[in-house]
Amino acid sequence: MRDTLGLSRRGRLDDPEAIQFGSRELGAGGNASELAKLWRDGENQWSISVEVMPDALIDSTDVDQWQEMFETAARSVGLDVVEVHEFP
């Protein structure tokens, strides 16, 4: 999934202590105010977080596009999307 989403490589899958497995700047031109990260949340659970800097202005269509991109990537590697959380 890291390759599909263009995430940096971080952590080893065979290391049970590793929890973060990559990140990518989402903003236009690699803007660091929006950052996606891939996390392992347990033995067979994964999550993707999007961190947005407080002063960044994002459009709701950006959020919708990111969510669609992440869900498509997860399904492409055989994962099921079971929950979506949005926090203000």
N, C-alpha and C. Protein backbone atom coordinates (compact mmCIF):
# COMPACT_ATOMS: atom_id res chain seq x y z
N MET A 1 0.82 -1.18 0.00
CA MET A 1 0.00 0.00 0.00
C MET A 1 0.87 1.25 0.00
N ARG A 2 2.07 1.15 0.58
CA ARG A 2 2.96 2.32 0.56
C ARG A 2 3.24 2.75 -0.87
N ASP A 3 3.51 1.78 -1.74
CA ASP A 3 3.80 2.12 -3.14
C ASP A 3 2.59 2.73 -3.82
N THR A 4 1.42 2.15 -3.59
CA THR A 4 0.19 2.64 -4.21
C THR A 4 -0.08 4.09 -3.85
N LEU A 5 0.19 4.45 -2.59
CA LEU A 5 -0.07 5.81 -2.11
C LEU A 5 1.13 6.74 -2.23
N GLY A 6 2.27 6.21 -2.67
CA GLY A 6 3.46 7.04 -2.80
C GLY A 6 4.01 7.46 -1.45
N LEU A 7 3.89 6.59 -0.45
CA LEU A 7 4.38 6.91 0.89
C LEU A 7 5.87 6.58 1.02
N SER A 8 6.56 7.34 1.85
CA SER A 8 7.94 7.00 2.18
C SER A 8 7.94 5.66 2.90
N ARG A 9 9.07 4.99 2.88
CA ARG A 9 9.18 3.71 3.58
C ARG A 9 9.71 3.95 4.99
N ARG A 10 8.98 3.40 5.93
CA ARG A 10 9.39 3.51 7.33
C ARG A 10 8.90 2.26 8.06
N GLY A 11 9.68 1.74 8.95
CA GLY A 11 9.29 0.57 9.72
C GLY A 11 9.41 -0.72 8.92
N ARG A 12 9.54 -1.84 9.65
CA ARG A 12 9.60 -3.16 9.03
C ARG A 12 8.37 -3.94 9.45
N LEU A 13 7.71 -4.57 8.50
CA LEU A 13 6.51 -5.33 8.80
C LEU A 13 6.77 -6.46 9.79
N ASP A 14 7.97 -7.02 9.77
CA ASP A 14 8.29 -8.13 10.67
C ASP A 14 8.73 -7.67 12.06
N ASP A 15 8.72 -6.37 12.31
CA ASP A 15 9.08 -5.83 13.61
C ASP A 15 7.80 -5.52 14.39
N PRO A 16 7.47 -6.33 15.40
CA PRO A 16 6.21 -6.13 16.12
C PRO A 16 6.14 -4.80 16.88
N GLU A 17 7.29 -4.17 17.11
CA GLU A 17 7.31 -2.88 17.79
C GLU A 17 7.05 -1.70 16.85
N ALA A 18 7.18 -1.91 15.55
CA ALA A 18 6.99 -0.83 14.58
C ALA A 18 5.50 -0.53 14.45
N ILE A 19 5.17 0.77 14.48
CA ILE A 19 3.76 1.14 14.33
C ILE A 19 3.52 2.10 13.16
N GLN A 20 4.52 2.90 12.80
CA GLN A 20 4.34 3.81 11.65
C GLN A 20 5.12 3.26 10.47
N PHE A 21 4.48 3.28 9.29
CA PHE A 21 5.09 2.63 8.13
C PHE A 21 5.26 3.52 6.91
N GLY A 22 5.07 4.79 7.05
CA GLY A 22 5.33 5.69 5.93
C GLY A 22 4.49 6.94 6.02
N SER A 23 4.89 7.93 5.22
CA SER A 23 4.15 9.20 5.20
C SER A 23 4.31 9.86 3.84
N ARG A 24 3.48 10.85 3.61
CA ARG A 24 3.50 11.59 2.34
C ARG A 24 2.85 12.94 2.54
N GLU A 25 3.45 13.97 1.97
CA GLU A 25 2.85 15.29 1.97
C GLU A 25 1.75 15.30 0.92
N LEU A 26 0.58 15.81 1.29
CA LEU A 26 -0.58 15.77 0.40
C LEU A 26 -0.84 17.07 -0.34
N GLY A 27 -0.39 18.19 0.20
CA GLY A 27 -0.69 19.48 -0.39
C GLY A 27 -0.09 19.66 -1.77
N ALA A 28 -0.60 20.63 -2.49
CA ALA A 28 -0.11 20.94 -3.82
C ALA A 28 1.37 21.26 -3.77
N GLY A 29 2.12 20.64 -4.66
CA GLY A 29 3.55 20.88 -4.70
C GLY A 29 4.29 20.33 -3.49
N GLY A 30 3.72 19.29 -2.84
CA GLY A 30 4.37 18.71 -1.68
C GLY A 30 4.29 19.60 -0.45
N ASN A 31 3.21 20.34 -0.33
CA ASN A 31 3.01 21.22 0.81
C ASN A 31 2.98 20.42 2.11
N ALA A 32 3.85 20.73 3.03
CA ALA A 32 3.97 19.97 4.27
C ALA A 32 2.87 20.29 5.28
N SER A 33 1.90 21.16 4.94
CA SER A 33 0.82 21.43 5.90
C SER A 33 -0.20 20.32 5.97
N GLU A 34 -0.18 19.40 5.00
CA GLU A 34 -1.08 18.23 5.02
C GLU A 34 -0.22 16.98 4.84
N LEU A 35 -0.28 16.10 5.83
CA LEU A 35 0.59 14.93 5.83
C LEU A 35 -0.24 13.68 6.11
N ALA A 36 -0.10 12.66 5.26
CA ALA A 36 -0.76 11.37 5.47
C ALA A 36 0.25 10.40 6.06
N LYS A 37 -0.20 9.57 7.01
CA LYS A 37 0.68 8.58 7.63
C LYS A 37 -0.04 7.24 7.71
N LEU A 38 0.71 6.16 7.48
CA LEU A 38 0.20 4.80 7.57
C LEU A 38 0.65 4.19 8.89
N TRP A 39 -0.31 3.65 9.65
CA TRP A 39 -0.05 3.10 10.99
C TRP A 39 -0.53 1.66 11.09
N ARG A 40 0.14 0.87 11.91
CA ARG A 40 -0.36 -0.45 12.28
C ARG A 40 -1.01 -0.29 13.66
N ASP A 41 -2.28 -0.70 13.75
CA ASP A 41 -3.05 -0.54 14.99
C ASP A 41 -3.29 -1.86 15.70
N GLY A 42 -2.48 -2.82 15.45
CA GLY A 42 -2.66 -4.14 16.04
C GLY A 42 -2.15 -5.16 15.04
N GLU A 43 -2.36 -6.41 15.36
CA GLU A 43 -1.81 -7.46 14.51
C GLU A 43 -2.33 -7.41 13.07
N ASN A 44 -3.61 -7.19 12.90
CA ASN A 44 -4.19 -7.17 11.56
C ASN A 44 -5.02 -5.93 11.29
N GLN A 45 -4.69 -4.83 11.96
CA GLN A 45 -5.44 -3.59 11.77
C GLN A 45 -4.49 -2.48 11.36
N TRP A 46 -4.95 -1.67 10.42
CA TRP A 46 -4.15 -0.58 9.88
C TRP A 46 -5.00 0.68 9.86
N SER A 47 -4.34 1.82 9.89
CA SER A 47 -5.06 3.09 9.75
C SER A 47 -4.20 4.07 8.98
N ILE A 48 -4.87 5.03 8.40
CA ILE A 48 -4.21 6.14 7.73
C ILE A 48 -4.71 7.41 8.38
N SER A 49 -3.79 8.23 8.81
CA SER A 49 -4.18 9.51 9.40
C SER A 49 -3.76 10.63 8.47
N VAL A 50 -4.53 11.70 8.50
CA VAL A 50 -4.17 12.92 7.78
C VAL A 50 -4.04 14.02 8.83
N GLU A 51 -2.85 14.58 8.91
CA GLU A 51 -2.60 15.67 9.85
C GLU A 51 -2.53 16.96 9.06
N VAL A 52 -3.32 17.93 9.51
CA VAL A 52 -3.37 19.23 8.83
C VAL A 52 -2.95 20.30 9.83
N MET A 53 -1.99 21.12 9.44
CA MET A 53 -1.52 22.20 10.31
C MET A 53 -2.67 23.17 10.58
N PRO A 54 -2.74 23.72 11.78
CA PRO A 54 -3.86 24.60 12.15
C PRO A 54 -4.07 25.79 11.22
N ASP A 55 -3.00 26.32 10.63
CA ASP A 55 -3.14 27.50 9.77
C ASP A 55 -3.39 27.14 8.31
N ALA A 56 -3.48 25.85 7.99
CA ALA A 56 -3.70 25.43 6.59
C ALA A 56 -5.17 25.56 6.23
N LEU A 57 -5.42 26.03 5.05
CA LEU A 57 -6.78 26.12 4.53
C LEU A 57 -7.00 24.97 3.56
N ILE A 58 -7.93 24.09 3.89
CA ILE A 58 -8.22 22.98 2.98
C ILE A 58 -9.70 23.03 2.62
N ASP A 59 -9.99 22.50 1.47
CA ASP A 59 -11.35 22.45 0.97
C ASP A 59 -11.94 21.08 1.27
N SER A 60 -13.24 21.01 1.49
CA SER A 60 -13.86 19.71 1.78
C SER A 60 -13.70 18.74 0.61
N THR A 61 -13.55 19.27 -0.61
CA THR A 61 -13.32 18.35 -1.74
C THR A 61 -11.95 17.68 -1.64
N ASP A 62 -10.97 18.37 -1.04
CA ASP A 62 -9.67 17.75 -0.80
C ASP A 62 -9.83 16.55 0.13
N VAL A 63 -10.56 16.74 1.21
CA VAL A 63 -10.78 15.67 2.18
C VAL A 63 -11.48 14.50 1.52
N ASP A 64 -12.51 14.77 0.71
CA ASP A 64 -13.23 13.71 0.00
C ASP A 64 -12.31 12.95 -0.96
N GLN A 65 -11.46 13.68 -1.67
CA GLN A 65 -10.52 13.04 -2.61
C GLN A 65 -9.50 12.18 -1.87
N TRP A 66 -8.99 12.67 -0.75
CA TRP A 66 -8.03 11.89 0.03
C TRP A 66 -8.68 10.61 0.54
N GLN A 67 -9.90 10.74 1.07
CA GLN A 67 -10.58 9.56 1.59
C GLN A 67 -10.79 8.52 0.48
N GLU A 68 -11.22 8.96 -0.67
CA GLU A 68 -11.42 8.04 -1.79
C GLU A 68 -10.10 7.38 -2.20
N MET A 69 -9.03 8.16 -2.24
CA MET A 69 -7.72 7.63 -2.61
C MET A 69 -7.26 6.56 -1.60
N PHE A 70 -7.43 6.83 -0.30
CA PHE A 70 -7.00 5.88 0.73
C PHE A 70 -7.84 4.61 0.70
N GLU A 71 -9.15 4.76 0.55
CA GLU A 71 -10.02 3.58 0.51
C GLU A 71 -9.73 2.72 -0.72
N THR A 72 -9.50 3.34 -1.86
CA THR A 72 -9.18 2.60 -3.08
C THR A 72 -7.87 1.85 -2.91
N ALA A 73 -6.87 2.51 -2.33
CA ALA A 73 -5.56 1.86 -2.11
C ALA A 73 -5.70 0.67 -1.16
N ALA A 74 -6.46 0.84 -0.10
CA ALA A 74 -6.65 -0.26 0.87
C ALA A 74 -7.30 -1.46 0.20
N ARG A 75 -8.35 -1.21 -0.56
CA ARG A 75 -9.04 -2.31 -1.23
C ARG A 75 -8.16 -2.97 -2.29
N SER A 76 -7.28 -2.19 -2.92
CA SER A 76 -6.42 -2.75 -3.97
C SER A 76 -5.41 -3.76 -3.44
N VAL A 77 -5.14 -3.70 -2.13
CA VAL A 77 -4.21 -4.67 -1.52
C VAL A 77 -4.96 -5.67 -0.65
N GLY A 78 -6.28 -5.74 -0.81
CA GLY A 78 -7.07 -6.76 -0.12
C GLY A 78 -7.53 -6.40 1.28
N LEU A 79 -7.47 -5.13 1.66
CA LEU A 79 -7.94 -4.72 2.97
C LEU A 79 -9.38 -4.23 2.89
N ASP A 80 -10.12 -4.40 3.97
CA ASP A 80 -11.48 -3.88 4.07
C ASP A 80 -11.47 -2.60 4.88
N VAL A 81 -12.22 -1.62 4.43
CA VAL A 81 -12.38 -0.38 5.19
C VAL A 81 -13.56 -0.59 6.12
N VAL A 82 -13.29 -0.57 7.43
CA VAL A 82 -14.35 -0.86 8.39
C VAL A 82 -14.81 0.36 9.16
N GLU A 83 -14.00 1.41 9.21
CA GLU A 83 -14.39 2.62 9.92
C GLU A 83 -13.74 3.84 9.28
N VAL A 84 -14.44 4.94 9.32
CA VAL A 84 -13.89 6.23 8.89
C VAL A 84 -14.22 7.23 9.99
N HIS A 85 -13.20 7.93 10.46
CA HIS A 85 -13.39 8.94 11.50
C HIS A 85 -12.92 10.28 10.97
N GLU A 86 -13.70 11.31 11.24
CA GLU A 86 -13.29 12.67 10.90
C GLU A 86 -13.34 13.50 12.18
N PHE A 87 -12.26 14.23 12.41
CA PHE A 87 -12.18 15.08 13.57
C PHE A 87 -11.98 16.51 13.10
N PRO A 88 -12.65 17.43 13.76
CA PRO A 88 -12.49 18.84 13.34
C PRO A 88 -11.10 19.37 13.61
